[in-house]
Amino acid sequence: MRFAIGPESANVRLMPEPIEFLKSRKSISAQFLGPPGPSEAELAEILTVASRVPDHGKLTPWRFILFKGEGRTLASTALARLFAADHPEADEKQVAEEGRRLARAPVVVGVVSTAAPHPKIPEFEQLLSAGNAAMGILNAANALGYGAQWTTGWIAYDRRAGDLLGLKPAERFVAFVHIGTPTAPPIERPRPNLADIVSEWRPAD
């Protein structure tokens, strides 16, 4: 069942499919995301969706770095060398795992916050906009039939790793979104009870 959008359908009630889709969204671990990944056209669609997020002041306080093909392996290998130098006690298995950090799924999108001081827009709001962009990638990838996972890990917080992966000064990673075809079914996890997280404001007596 399709649903209508646009000014001409402003009074048309949306059909339930979009809500059901959003309610059913689940992440799939990057280790269970195999080929094929999204095509160039599909990736463009995913990033177009990611760009349509709340952005106070129209600052576009985020950008995307793509890790695809051989680039995934080369980046991961460089990260593994950095990890091994910092952790001489690490065993071969741990170092090997780091060597696959960005190479497990066919495509990884690094979501970069470019938040900066602004006379009117708090940096915190700019950072939230980047987080919304990451969520947009997850939803768009799922809508196209792919699995996806949002990760961070030490590489999101280590400045040397950030420099290695292409960050500019003052930028930071807010997400690495892994995208591919699920090789295992998603696992449902407990979700919060709305009664525990929702309250209605009322004036004090």
Protein backbone atom coordinates (compact mmCIF):
# COMPACT_ATOMS: atom_id res chain seq x y z
CA MET A 1 0.00 0.00 0.00
CA ARG A 2 1.42 3.34 -1.05
CA PHE A 3 1.09 6.63 0.76
CA ALA A 4 0.77 10.16 -0.53
CA ILE A 5 3.08 13.07 0.18
CA GLY A 6 3.28 16.66 -0.92
CA PRO A 7 1.06 19.75 -0.71
CA GLU A 8 -1.70 18.16 -2.77
CA SER A 9 -2.04 15.41 -0.17
CA ALA A 10 -1.73 17.51 2.98
CA ASN A 11 -5.07 16.28 4.27
CA VAL A 12 -4.53 12.64 3.36
CA ARG A 13 -3.85 10.38 6.33
CA LEU A 14 -0.59 8.48 5.91
CA MET A 15 -0.91 4.75 5.52
CA PRO A 16 0.75 2.68 8.27
CA GLU A 17 3.72 1.28 6.35
CA PRO A 18 6.23 4.06 7.15
CA ILE A 19 5.49 3.89 10.87
CA GLU A 20 5.68 0.10 10.90
CA PHE A 21 8.99 0.28 9.08
CA LEU A 22 10.45 2.71 11.60
CA LYS A 23 9.13 0.63 14.50
CA SER A 24 10.80 -2.48 13.14
CA ARG A 25 14.25 -1.02 12.52
CA LYS A 26 17.07 -3.10 13.96
CA SER A 27 20.84 -2.88 13.73
CA ILE A 28 22.87 -5.83 12.46
CA SER A 29 26.45 -6.25 13.65
CA ALA A 30 29.05 -5.34 11.06
CA GLN A 31 30.46 -8.86 11.21
CA PHE A 32 27.16 -10.08 9.73
CA LEU A 33 27.07 -7.60 6.85
CA GLY A 34 28.39 -9.10 3.63
CA PRO A 35 28.28 -8.26 -0.06
CA PRO A 36 26.66 -6.89 -2.00
CA GLY A 37 26.71 -3.42 -0.57
CA PRO A 38 24.77 -0.48 -1.98
CA SER A 39 25.50 0.59 -5.53
CA GLU A 40 26.80 4.06 -6.27
CA ALA A 41 23.26 5.19 -7.07
CA GLU A 42 21.89 3.66 -3.88
CA LEU A 43 24.67 5.18 -1.82
CA ALA A 44 23.85 8.57 -3.31
CA GLU A 45 20.23 8.07 -2.26
CA ILE A 46 21.28 7.07 1.26
CA LEU A 47 23.45 10.16 1.66
CA THR A 48 20.75 12.38 0.18
CA VAL A 49 18.39 11.16 2.89
CA ALA A 50 21.12 11.71 5.49
CA SER A 51 21.46 15.31 4.34
CA ARG A 52 17.78 16.07 4.99
CA VAL A 53 18.04 16.49 8.74
CA PRO A 54 17.30 19.34 11.14
CA ASP A 55 20.06 21.89 10.69
CA HIS A 56 19.57 25.09 12.68
CA GLY A 57 20.99 27.99 10.68
CA LYS A 58 21.52 25.87 7.55
CA LEU A 59 25.16 25.40 8.49
CA THR A 60 25.55 21.84 7.17
CA PRO A 61 27.74 21.02 10.21
CA TRP A 62 28.69 17.56 9.01
CA ARG A 63 30.25 15.70 6.12
CA PHE A 64 30.80 12.08 5.10
CA ILE A 65 33.94 10.03 4.48
CA LEU A 66 33.38 6.81 2.55
CA PHE A 67 35.41 3.65 3.08
CA LYS A 68 34.89 1.31 0.13
CA GLY A 69 36.78 -1.36 -1.78
CA GLU A 70 40.50 -1.55 -1.09
CA GLY A 71 40.30 1.66 0.93
CA ARG A 72 38.54 -0.23 3.74
CA THR A 73 41.44 -2.64 4.07
CA LEU A 74 44.17 -0.02 3.77
CA ALA A 75 42.53 2.16 6.43
CA SER A 76 42.02 -0.82 8.73
CA THR A 77 45.61 -1.97 8.31
CA ALA A 78 46.87 1.50 9.25
CA LEU A 79 44.60 1.51 12.30
CA ALA A 80 45.90 -1.92 13.32
CA ARG A 81 49.48 -0.62 13.22
CA LEU A 82 48.50 2.29 15.44
CA PHE A 83 46.68 -0.03 17.84
CA ALA A 84 49.62 -2.47 18.01
CA ALA A 85 52.07 0.33 18.75
CA ASP A 86 49.89 1.54 21.62
CA HIS A 87 49.16 -1.95 22.95
CA PRO A 88 52.35 -4.06 22.86
CA GLU A 89 50.58 -6.58 25.08
CA ALA A 90 47.91 -7.25 22.44
CA ASP A 91 47.91 -10.72 20.89
CA GLU A 92 47.77 -11.51 17.18
CA LYS A 93 44.01 -12.06 17.28
CA GLN A 94 43.37 -8.61 18.71
CA VAL A 95 45.61 -6.92 16.16
CA ALA A 96 44.02 -8.92 13.35
CA GLU A 97 40.59 -7.81 14.50
CA GLU A 98 41.71 -4.19 14.34
CA GLY A 99 42.92 -4.91 10.82
CA ARG A 100 39.29 -5.60 9.87
CA ARG A 101 37.69 -2.74 11.79
CA LEU A 102 36.54 -0.87 8.69
CA ALA A 103 36.65 -3.83 6.33
CA ARG A 104 33.88 -6.09 7.60
CA ALA A 105 30.97 -4.54 5.71
CA PRO A 106 31.12 -3.60 2.01
CA VAL A 107 30.69 0.10 2.74
CA VAL A 108 31.37 2.20 5.82
CA VAL A 109 30.26 5.81 6.06
CA GLY A 110 32.21 7.94 8.49
CA VAL A 111 29.92 10.70 9.73
CA VAL A 112 32.00 13.74 10.64
CA SER A 113 30.85 16.61 12.80
CA THR A 114 32.24 19.92 11.60
CA ALA A 115 30.63 21.83 14.49
CA ALA A 116 32.34 25.15 15.17
CA PRO A 117 31.75 28.26 17.26
CA HIS A 118 28.88 30.35 15.90
CA PRO A 119 27.34 33.61 17.17
CA LYS A 120 23.82 32.13 17.20
CA ILE A 121 23.95 28.34 16.84
CA PRO A 122 25.38 26.38 19.80
CA GLU A 123 27.95 23.76 18.86
CA PHE A 124 25.87 21.20 20.72
CA GLU A 125 23.01 21.71 18.27
CA GLN A 126 25.41 21.31 15.37
CA LEU A 127 26.66 18.05 16.88
CA LEU A 128 23.09 16.79 17.26
CA SER A 129 22.52 17.52 13.57
CA ALA A 130 25.45 15.23 12.69
CA GLY A 131 23.93 12.53 14.88
CA ASN A 132 20.67 12.91 13.00
CA ALA A 133 22.56 12.47 9.73
CA ALA A 134 23.96 9.17 11.02
CA MET A 135 20.45 8.01 11.93
CA GLY A 136 19.29 9.01 8.47
CA ILE A 137 21.91 6.72 6.96
CA LEU A 138 20.68 3.80 9.06
CA ASN A 139 17.06 4.33 8.08
CA ALA A 140 17.80 4.88 4.40
CA ALA A 141 20.02 1.80 4.19
CA ASN A 142 17.32 -0.30 5.84
CA ALA A 143 14.67 1.15 3.52
CA LEU A 144 16.73 -0.08 0.55
CA GLY A 145 16.90 -3.58 2.03
CA TYR A 146 20.39 -3.43 3.52
CA GLY A 147 21.52 -4.04 7.06
CA ALA A 148 23.46 -1.39 8.92
CA GLN A 149 25.20 -0.71 12.20
CA TRP A 150 26.34 2.53 13.86
CA THR A 151 29.62 2.13 15.72
CA THR A 152 32.21 4.40 17.28
CA GLY A 153 35.02 2.67 19.20
CA TRP A 154 38.43 4.05 20.02
CA ILE A 155 38.97 5.29 16.48
CA ALA A 156 36.20 7.87 16.97
CA TYR A 157 38.02 9.45 19.91
CA ASP A 158 41.71 9.02 19.12
CA ARG A 159 43.03 12.15 17.38
CA ARG A 160 45.78 10.23 15.58
CA ALA A 161 43.24 7.78 14.19
CA GLY A 162 41.08 10.69 13.12
CA ASP A 163 43.96 12.34 11.31
CA LEU A 164 44.80 9.05 9.64
CA LEU A 165 41.18 8.67 8.47
CA GLY A 166 40.96 12.15 7.00
CA LEU A 167 39.67 14.47 9.71
CA LYS A 168 40.49 18.15 9.49
CA PRO A 169 41.46 20.15 12.59
CA ALA A 170 38.55 20.57 15.04
CA GLU A 171 36.48 17.89 13.31
CA ARG A 172 35.37 14.69 15.04
CA PHE A 173 33.71 11.43 14.07
CA VAL A 174 30.26 10.86 15.50
CA ALA A 175 29.62 7.54 13.75
CA PHE A 176 30.93 4.85 11.49
CA VAL A 177 27.90 3.36 9.75
CA HIS A 178 28.58 -0.09 8.30
CA ILE A 179 26.28 -1.10 5.43
CA GLY A 180 25.85 -4.43 3.66
CA THR A 181 23.62 -7.41 3.04
CA PRO A 182 22.69 -9.28 6.23
CA THR A 183 24.18 -12.77 6.53
CA ALA A 184 22.26 -13.47 9.74
CA PRO A 185 18.83 -12.40 10.95
CA PRO A 186 18.59 -9.36 13.20
CA ILE A 187 18.17 -10.01 16.89
CA GLU A 188 15.48 -8.13 18.74
CA ARG A 189 16.52 -6.56 22.01
CA PRO A 190 14.47 -5.18 24.88
CA ARG A 191 13.07 -1.74 24.19
CA PRO A 192 12.16 0.82 26.83
CA ASN A 193 8.68 0.91 28.29
CA LEU A 194 7.18 4.27 27.34
CA ALA A 195 5.74 4.61 30.83
CA ASP A 196 9.32 4.69 32.14
CA ILE A 197 10.62 7.38 29.82
CA VAL A 198 7.66 9.64 29.04
CA SER A 199 6.25 12.29 31.34
CA GLU A 200 4.00 15.27 30.84
CA TRP A 201 4.99 18.64 32.22
CA ARG A 202 2.58 20.19 34.64
CA PRO A 203 2.90 23.48 36.52
CA ALA A 204 4.09 23.25 40.08
CA ASP A 205 1.43 23.65 42.76
